[in-house]
Protein backbone atom coordinates (compact mmCIF):
# COMPACT_ATOMS: atom_id res chain seq x y z
CA MET A 1 -11.30 -7.20 22.41
CA ILE A 2 -8.02 -9.10 22.13
CA ASN A 3 -8.13 -12.18 19.97
CA THR A 4 -7.22 -15.30 22.00
CA ASP A 5 -4.99 -16.67 19.26
CA ASP A 6 -3.14 -13.36 19.06
CA ARG A 7 -2.55 -13.40 22.83
CA LYS A 8 -1.15 -16.93 22.66
CA GLN A 9 1.11 -15.92 19.77
CA ARG A 10 2.48 -12.92 21.68
CA THR A 11 3.14 -15.09 24.75
CA GLU A 12 5.01 -17.57 22.57
CA ASP A 13 6.97 -14.73 20.95
CA ARG A 14 8.09 -13.46 24.37
CA LYS A 15 9.30 -16.94 25.31
CA GLN A 16 11.26 -17.17 22.07
CA ARG A 17 12.87 -13.76 22.59
CA LYS A 18 14.05 -14.85 26.05
CA THR A 19 15.81 -17.84 24.53
CA LEU A 20 17.41 -15.82 21.74
CA PHE A 21 20.41 -14.79 23.86
CA PRO A 22 23.02 -15.96 24.63
CA PHE A 23 22.75 -19.09 22.51
CA LEU A 24 21.16 -17.60 19.37
CA SER A 25 19.44 -20.90 18.61
CA PRO A 26 16.60 -19.68 16.32
CA VAL A 27 17.15 -18.71 12.72
CA THR A 28 16.70 -14.98 12.88
CA SER A 29 18.08 -11.76 11.46
CA LEU A 30 18.32 -8.63 13.60
CA LEU A 31 18.72 -5.23 11.99
CA LEU A 32 21.23 -3.46 14.22
CA LEU A 33 23.35 -0.41 13.50
CA GLY A 34 26.73 -1.71 12.48
CA LEU A 35 26.01 -5.38 13.15
CA VAL A 36 24.36 -8.34 11.46
CA ILE A 37 23.63 -11.38 13.63
CA ILE A 38 22.81 -14.51 11.66
CA ALA A 39 22.22 -17.67 13.67
CA THR A 40 21.36 -21.14 12.52
CA GLY A 41 18.78 -23.57 13.85
CA GLN A 42 15.03 -23.98 13.81
CA ALA A 43 12.91 -21.23 12.27
CA ARG A 44 10.90 -19.11 14.70
CA THR A 45 9.03 -15.83 14.79
CA GLU A 46 10.83 -12.75 16.07
CA ALA A 47 9.78 -9.09 16.13
CA THR A 48 12.35 -6.51 15.09
CA ARG A 49 11.60 -2.83 15.70
CA VAL A 50 13.59 -0.25 13.80
CA GLY A 51 13.46 3.54 13.96
CA PHE A 52 14.88 6.10 11.49
CA SER A 53 14.86 9.87 11.44
CA LEU A 54 16.28 11.68 8.42
CA ALA A 55 17.29 15.30 9.08
CA GLY A 56 14.15 16.21 10.96
CA LYS A 57 11.89 14.36 8.54
CA ASN A 58 10.33 11.59 10.58
CA LEU A 59 10.50 8.25 8.82
CA ARG A 60 10.04 6.20 11.97
CA LYS A 61 8.76 2.74 11.13
CA THR A 62 8.07 -0.52 12.90
CA TYR A 63 8.75 -3.69 10.97
CA ILE A 64 7.79 -7.19 11.99
CA ASN A 65 10.38 -9.75 10.94
CA LYS A 66 8.16 -12.84 10.91
CA ILE A 67 10.68 -15.49 9.92
CA GLY A 68 13.75 -13.47 9.16
CA TYR A 69 15.13 -14.89 5.94
CA THR A 70 15.79 -11.42 4.66
CA GLN A 71 18.96 -10.26 6.41
CA ILE A 72 19.94 -6.61 6.51
CA GLY A 73 23.06 -5.12 8.07
CA THR A 74 23.90 -1.43 8.41
CA LYS A 75 27.21 0.41 8.84
CA SER A 76 26.66 4.12 9.28
CA LYS A 77 28.99 7.11 9.28
CA GLY A 78 26.92 9.21 6.92
CA PRO A 79 23.32 10.12 6.04
CA GLY A 80 20.28 8.20 7.22
CA LEU A 81 19.20 5.33 4.97
CA LEU A 82 15.82 3.58 5.03
CA ILE A 83 14.94 0.53 2.93
CA THR A 84 11.16 0.15 2.55
CA TRP A 85 11.22 -2.58 -0.10
CA PRO A 86 11.94 -5.45 0.22
CA PRO A 87 10.31 -5.53 3.67
CA LEU A 88 11.99 -7.42 6.48
CA GLU A 89 9.21 -9.99 6.61
CA ARG A 90 10.06 -11.13 3.09
CA LYS A 91 10.66 -14.90 3.31
CA GLU A 92 11.91 -15.87 -0.13
CA VAL A 93 12.75 -14.50 -3.52
CA ASN A 94 12.13 -16.64 -6.59
CA LEU A 95 12.40 -13.79 -9.05
CA LYS A 96 14.86 -12.90 -11.77
CA GLN A 97 14.38 -9.22 -11.00
CA MET A 98 13.01 -7.29 -8.04
CA ARG A 99 12.26 -3.67 -7.23
CA LEU A 100 14.09 -1.94 -4.41
CA ALA A 101 13.00 1.33 -2.80
CA GLY A 102 13.84 3.51 0.16
CA ALA A 103 14.80 7.00 1.29
CA THR A 104 17.79 9.03 2.37
CA LEU A 105 18.62 12.73 2.65
CA PRO A 106 17.71 14.67 -0.52
CA SER A 107 21.30 15.95 -0.65
CA ALA A 108 22.81 12.45 -0.57
CA THR A 109 23.75 10.18 -3.47
CA ILE A 110 22.70 6.54 -3.72
CA ARG A 111 24.56 3.60 -5.26
CA ILE A 112 23.05 0.13 -5.45
CA ASN A 113 25.63 -2.53 -6.30
CA ASN A 114 27.87 0.34 -7.45
CA ILE A 115 25.23 1.69 -9.86
CA PRO A 116 24.17 5.33 -9.25
CA ILE A 117 20.43 5.70 -8.58
CA ARG A 118 18.42 8.91 -8.81
CA VAL A 119 17.45 10.52 -5.49
CA TYR A 120 14.22 12.54 -5.73
CA PRO A 121 13.62 15.86 -3.91
CA THR A 122 11.85 14.00 -1.08
CA GLY A 123 14.91 11.79 -0.59
CA ALA A 124 13.10 8.82 -2.13
CA PHE A 125 14.75 6.38 -4.53
CA ALA A 126 13.44 3.34 -6.40
CA THR A 127 14.81 0.99 -9.02
CA LEU A 128 14.57 -2.50 -10.54
CA LEU A 129 17.37 -4.95 -9.74
CA ASN A 130 18.45 -7.77 -12.02
CA LEU A 131 18.94 -10.60 -9.51
CA LYS A 132 20.18 -12.92 -12.24
CA LYS A 133 23.18 -10.63 -12.79
CA THR A 134 23.97 -10.21 -9.09
CA GLY A 135 24.09 -13.98 -8.73
CA LYS A 136 24.51 -14.24 -4.96
CA ASN A 137 21.36 -12.26 -4.08
CA ILE A 138 23.53 -9.89 -2.07
CA ILE A 139 22.49 -6.28 -2.54
CA GLU A 140 24.63 -3.41 -1.29
CA VAL A 141 23.04 0.02 -0.91
CA VAL A 142 25.30 3.00 -0.19
CA ALA A 143 24.12 6.51 0.74
CA GLU A 144 26.85 9.15 0.72
CA ASP A 145 27.18 12.86 1.43
CA ALA A 146 29.79 15.23 2.90
CA THR A 147 29.49 13.57 6.34
CA GLY A 148 30.43 10.12 5.07
CA GLU A 149 28.58 7.05 3.89
CA THR A 150 25.94 4.65 5.19
CA ARG A 151 26.10 1.15 3.81
CA GLN A 152 23.35 -1.48 3.99
CA THR A 153 23.84 -5.07 2.88
CA ILE A 154 20.75 -7.12 2.05
CA VAL A 155 20.91 -10.90 1.69
CA LEU A 156 17.90 -12.49 -0.01
CA GLN A 157 17.36 -16.22 0.36
CA ARG A 158 15.81 -18.01 -2.61
CA ARG A 159 14.21 -20.99 -0.91
CA LEU A 160 11.90 -21.63 2.00
CA PRO A 161 13.61 -23.74 4.71
CA PRO A 162 12.63 -27.42 4.74
CA THR A 163 11.24 -27.11 8.29
CA LEU A 164 8.34 -25.01 6.99
CA PRO A 165 5.23 -26.52 5.39
CA PRO A 166 4.70 -25.84 1.68
CA PRO A 167 2.71 -22.68 0.96
CA ARG A 168 -1.03 -23.19 0.66
CA LYS A 169 -2.59 -22.85 -2.75
CA LYS A 170 -5.07 -20.02 -2.97
CA LYS A 171 -8.61 -20.96 -3.91
CA GLN A 172 -9.56 -19.73 -7.34
CA THR A 173 -12.62 -17.49 -7.26
CA PRO A 174 -14.96 -18.27 -10.16
CA PRO A 175 -15.34 -15.28 -12.47
CA LEU A 176 -18.55 -13.30 -12.11
CA ALA A 177 -20.74 -12.49 -15.06
CA LYS A 178 -20.24 -8.93 -16.23
CA LYS A 179 -23.94 -8.42 -16.70
CA GLY A 180 -26.09 -6.78 -14.06
CA LYS A 181 -29.46 -5.10 -13.76
CA PRO A 182 -29.63 -1.30 -13.99
CA VAL A 183 -29.52 0.39 -10.59
CA LYS A 184 -32.28 2.92 -10.04
CA MET A 185 -31.08 6.28 -8.78
CA PRO A 186 -33.30 8.59 -6.69
CA SER A 187 -34.71 11.73 -8.33
CA LEU A 188 -32.31 14.60 -7.72
CA ASN A 189 -33.08 18.31 -7.78
CA TRP A 190 -30.08 20.06 -9.32
CA ASN A 191 -31.61 23.48 -8.64
CA SER A 192 -31.50 22.78 -4.91
CA LYS A 193 -28.68 23.84 -2.59
CA LEU A 194 -28.54 20.15 -1.59
CA PRO A 195 -28.80 18.42 -4.99
CA LEU A 196 -27.73 14.97 -3.73
CA THR A 197 -30.50 14.70 -1.13
CA GLY A 198 -31.89 11.15 -1.09
CA LEU A 199 -28.68 9.58 -2.43
CA VAL A 200 -26.96 6.99 -0.21
CA ILE A 201 -23.23 6.60 -0.87
CA VAL A 202 -20.77 4.27 0.85
CA ILE A 203 -17.12 5.35 0.76
CA ASP A 204 -14.61 2.60 1.43
CA PRO A 205 -11.07 3.64 2.46
CA GLY A 206 -9.03 0.60 1.42
CA HIS A 207 -6.88 -1.43 3.85
CA GLY A 208 -6.38 -0.34 7.47
CA GLY A 209 -5.14 -1.67 10.80
CA LYS A 210 -2.42 -4.28 10.38
CA PHE A 211 -2.85 -4.17 6.60
CA PRO A 212 -1.07 -1.02 5.35
CA GLY A 213 -1.53 -1.72 1.64
CA ALA A 214 1.16 -0.26 -0.60
CA VAL A 215 4.13 1.48 1.05
CA GLY A 216 5.99 4.30 -0.68
CA PRO A 217 9.80 4.66 -0.77
CA THR A 218 9.79 7.09 2.19
CA GLY A 219 7.41 4.89 4.18
CA LEU A 220 4.08 6.58 3.39
CA GLU A 221 1.37 3.95 3.85
CA GLU A 222 -1.56 3.51 1.50
CA LYS A 223 -4.10 2.97 4.29
CA GLU A 224 -3.40 6.48 5.61
CA VAL A 225 -3.71 8.19 2.22
CA ASN A 226 -6.88 6.24 1.40
CA LEU A 227 -8.52 7.42 4.61
CA ARG A 228 -7.57 11.07 4.08
CA ILE A 229 -8.97 11.12 0.54
CA SER A 230 -12.12 9.31 1.69
CA LEU A 231 -12.78 11.75 4.53
CA ALA A 232 -12.33 14.70 2.15
CA LEU A 233 -14.74 13.12 -0.36
CA ALA A 234 -17.27 12.39 2.41
CA ARG A 235 -17.29 16.06 3.45
CA LYS A 236 -18.00 17.18 -0.10
CA LEU A 237 -20.82 14.68 -0.59
CA LYS A 238 -22.46 15.51 2.74
CA LYS A 239 -22.29 19.20 1.93
CA ALA A 240 -24.22 18.43 -1.28
CA GLY A 241 -26.94 16.61 0.68
CA ALA A 242 -25.99 12.94 0.24
CA LYS A 243 -26.17 10.41 3.05
CA VAL A 244 -22.61 9.13 3.42
CA ILE A 245 -21.42 6.00 5.21
CA LEU A 246 -17.70 5.25 5.61
CA THR A 247 -16.61 1.64 6.07
CA ARG A 248 -13.93 2.93 8.46
CA ARG A 249 -13.17 6.32 10.02
CA LYS A 250 -9.91 5.39 11.70
CA ASP A 251 -6.97 3.02 11.36
CA ILE A 252 -8.73 -0.32 11.77
CA ASN A 253 -9.06 -3.41 9.62
CA VAL A 254 -12.49 -4.17 8.16
CA PRO A 255 -12.79 -7.47 6.22
CA LEU A 256 -13.71 -7.09 2.55
CA ALA A 257 -16.94 -9.05 2.96
CA GLU A 258 -18.00 -6.77 5.82
CA ARG A 259 -17.40 -3.67 3.71
CA ARG A 260 -19.69 -5.00 1.00
CA LYS A 261 -22.32 -6.13 3.53
CA MET A 262 -22.27 -2.69 5.11
CA ALA A 263 -23.14 -1.10 1.78
CA ILE A 264 -25.93 -3.62 1.13
CA SER A 265 -27.43 -3.20 4.62
CA GLN A 266 -27.53 0.58 4.15
CA ALA A 267 -29.34 0.18 0.81
CA ALA A 268 -26.57 2.20 -0.83
CA HIS A 269 -27.04 3.46 -4.35
CA ILE A 270 -23.30 3.85 -4.94
CA LEU A 271 -20.13 2.40 -3.40
CA ILE A 272 -16.75 4.04 -4.03
CA SER A 273 -13.66 2.22 -2.79
CA ILE A 274 -10.56 4.41 -2.48
CA HIS A 275 -7.12 2.88 -3.04
CA ASN A 276 -3.65 3.71 -4.32
CA ASN A 277 -1.56 1.45 -6.49
CA SER A 278 1.91 -0.08 -6.38
CA ALA A 279 4.22 -1.59 -8.97
CA ALA A 280 4.57 -5.36 -8.88
CA GLU A 281 7.70 -6.54 -7.11
CA ASP A 282 9.31 -7.67 -10.38
CA THR A 283 8.60 -4.50 -12.39
CA ASN A 284 10.40 -1.18 -12.63
CA PRO A 285 8.67 1.23 -10.19
CA ILE A 286 9.82 4.26 -12.17
CA LEU A 287 7.88 3.09 -15.24
CA ARG A 288 4.60 2.43 -13.42
CA ARG A 289 2.41 5.50 -12.88
CA GLY A 290 -1.13 6.52 -13.59
CA THR A 291 -4.61 6.84 -12.15
CA GLY A 292 -7.25 4.20 -12.83
CA VAL A 293 -10.80 3.11 -12.01
CA TYR A 294 -12.22 -0.44 -11.83
CA TYR A 295 -15.73 -1.88 -11.99
CA THR A 296 -17.18 -5.42 -11.79
CA PHE A 297 -20.73 -5.13 -13.19
CA LEU A 298 -21.52 -3.46 -16.51
CA PRO A 299 -24.04 -0.93 -15.09
CA SER A 300 -21.10 0.59 -13.17
CA LEU A 301 -19.04 1.13 -16.33
CA PRO A 302 -20.42 4.62 -17.16
CA LEU A 303 -19.70 5.77 -13.60
CA ALA A 304 -16.14 4.39 -13.78
CA ARG A 305 -15.54 6.09 -17.13
CA THR A 306 -16.86 9.48 -15.96
CA VAL A 307 -14.95 9.50 -12.66
CA TYR A 308 -11.79 8.47 -14.51
CA SER A 309 -12.11 11.39 -16.95
CA HIS A 310 -12.25 13.80 -14.01
CA LEU A 311 -9.28 12.18 -12.27
CA LEU A 312 -7.19 13.00 -15.34
CA THR A 313 -7.76 16.71 -14.61
CA THR A 314 -5.47 16.32 -11.56
CA GLY A 315 -2.49 15.92 -13.89
CA LEU A 316 -1.99 12.24 -13.06
CA SER A 317 -0.88 9.92 -15.85
CA PRO A 318 -3.66 7.94 -17.59
CA GLY A 319 -4.07 4.38 -16.38
CA GLY A 320 -7.50 3.68 -17.86
CA TYR A 321 -10.75 2.23 -16.55
CA HIS A 322 -11.06 -1.55 -16.47
CA TYR A 323 -13.20 -4.52 -15.55
CA ALA A 324 -11.94 -6.44 -12.50
CA ASN A 325 -13.50 -9.16 -10.39
CA LEU A 326 -13.00 -7.44 -7.01
CA ALA A 327 -14.58 -8.70 -3.80
CA VAL A 328 -15.65 -5.30 -2.51
CA LEU A 329 -17.48 -4.54 -5.78
CA ARG A 330 -19.38 -7.83 -6.03
CA SER A 331 -22.91 -6.57 -5.51
CA PRO A 332 -25.24 -5.98 -8.46
CA LYS A 333 -27.64 -4.11 -6.17
CA MET A 334 -25.64 -0.88 -6.39
CA LEU A 335 -23.19 0.93 -8.63
CA ALA A 336 -19.69 0.18 -7.37
CA ILE A 337 -16.25 1.36 -8.48
CA LEU A 338 -12.73 1.17 -7.09
CA VAL A 339 -10.40 4.14 -7.60
CA GLU A 340 -6.62 3.65 -7.76
CA ALA A 341 -5.65 7.30 -7.43
CA ALA A 342 -1.89 7.01 -8.10
CA PHE A 343 1.17 4.77 -7.66
CA LEU A 344 2.67 4.99 -4.17
CA SER A 345 5.67 3.01 -5.41
CA HIS A 346 6.70 5.92 -7.68
CA PRO A 347 8.65 8.61 -5.77
CA GLU A 348 6.89 11.52 -7.52
CA ASP A 349 3.40 10.08 -7.05
CA GLU A 350 4.21 9.38 -3.40
CA ALA A 351 5.30 12.99 -2.94
CA LEU A 352 1.97 14.18 -4.38
CA LEU A 353 -0.10 11.80 -2.27
CA ALA A 354 1.62 13.03 0.90
CA GLN A 355 0.27 16.55 0.31
CA LYS A 356 -3.08 17.50 1.83
CA ASP A 357 -3.84 19.83 -1.10
CA PHE A 358 -3.39 16.99 -3.57
CA GLN A 359 -5.54 14.63 -1.50
CA GLU A 360 -8.27 17.28 -1.64
CA LYS A 361 -7.71 17.59 -5.38
CA VAL A 362 -8.27 13.86 -5.89
CA ALA A 363 -11.39 13.94 -3.70
CA GLU A 364 -12.74 16.90 -5.68
CA ALA A 365 -12.14 15.09 -8.99
CA ILE A 366 -14.08 12.04 -7.78
CA PHE A 367 -16.87 14.30 -6.47
CA GLN A 368 -17.16 16.20 -9.76
CA GLY A 369 -17.08 12.94 -11.71
CA LEU A 370 -19.94 11.58 -9.62
CA LYS A 371 -21.98 14.75 -10.10
CA ASP A 372 -21.30 14.69 -13.84
CA PHE A 373 -22.47 11.07 -14.04
CA LEU A 374 -25.66 11.72 -12.05
CA GLN A 375 -26.57 14.78 -14.13
CA LYS A 376 -26.34 12.73 -17.32
């Protein structure tokens, strides 16, 4: 079913696109090969679709430029160049430093504001920019190989335009008590071929639909990796006799509250939410790596600790297990943990997460951690 508000918005968008030429009255920024169009006037919404293909490796992406205050221009005579962060929908930058990431051909070199940046075997690159030093918030990215160079210029605006309302303040969620009652597990027969019979487990692949979650330098989206790991984990648990419910089986958005309600309605004993992490926009993406597990209620702490110890067997860097007040975990009626398998913002972690074998490896580590916990 199409949401009525969404239909109205799309109709309005079509009207705005019709008025864009020839007068260029809205404030907008179009990413075109070899051309930057910057027009002045009232702020409006405009969709910009961009496709890239790097030497047979498909990096085709669709970006939605909601207000267009990030302006990107490309001049290309060389290798393909894709900027995945900052995204085009970025409205303002009030930071002293900001990470920048993207991809090119593995054989190419990258310079950002004339500073050489490492290109990883996948073609990915990532770095932290000092915006205070650049001064004008103009970032120039150059990819070069034997065929020539591709140059992208990014202009970041620091302020929201006065025509827009001030951003809404987010409501502060009151912290939950860490205490919780012990959750009773069913009796399990470890001598059986189906030792997890009687156990109800909800697996929650994070994000989905229009919410991709973290995006790696080459464009790999977290929602896709989360689902693949979750499906692999579900197969292993079902094979061991558990009843498994997935909050989503395809690329759709499920609200956080609905995910939690689904687990409660199924009388789940355990909920495992699968995610992958990303460096904050003002931190160095090359320095942020590691696997981690989170819990909200104390009875879930032993499960988080045990699953985390098994995740370390994958070779991922240690990120620890921590308390966090997370919406999807806010039910004391079951054990609930959230796994952050790796950092998509790091080129090497992204390369691992793109591999089916590694996704299976992560799923196996979670499965073995769960078995280890239940046997104790």
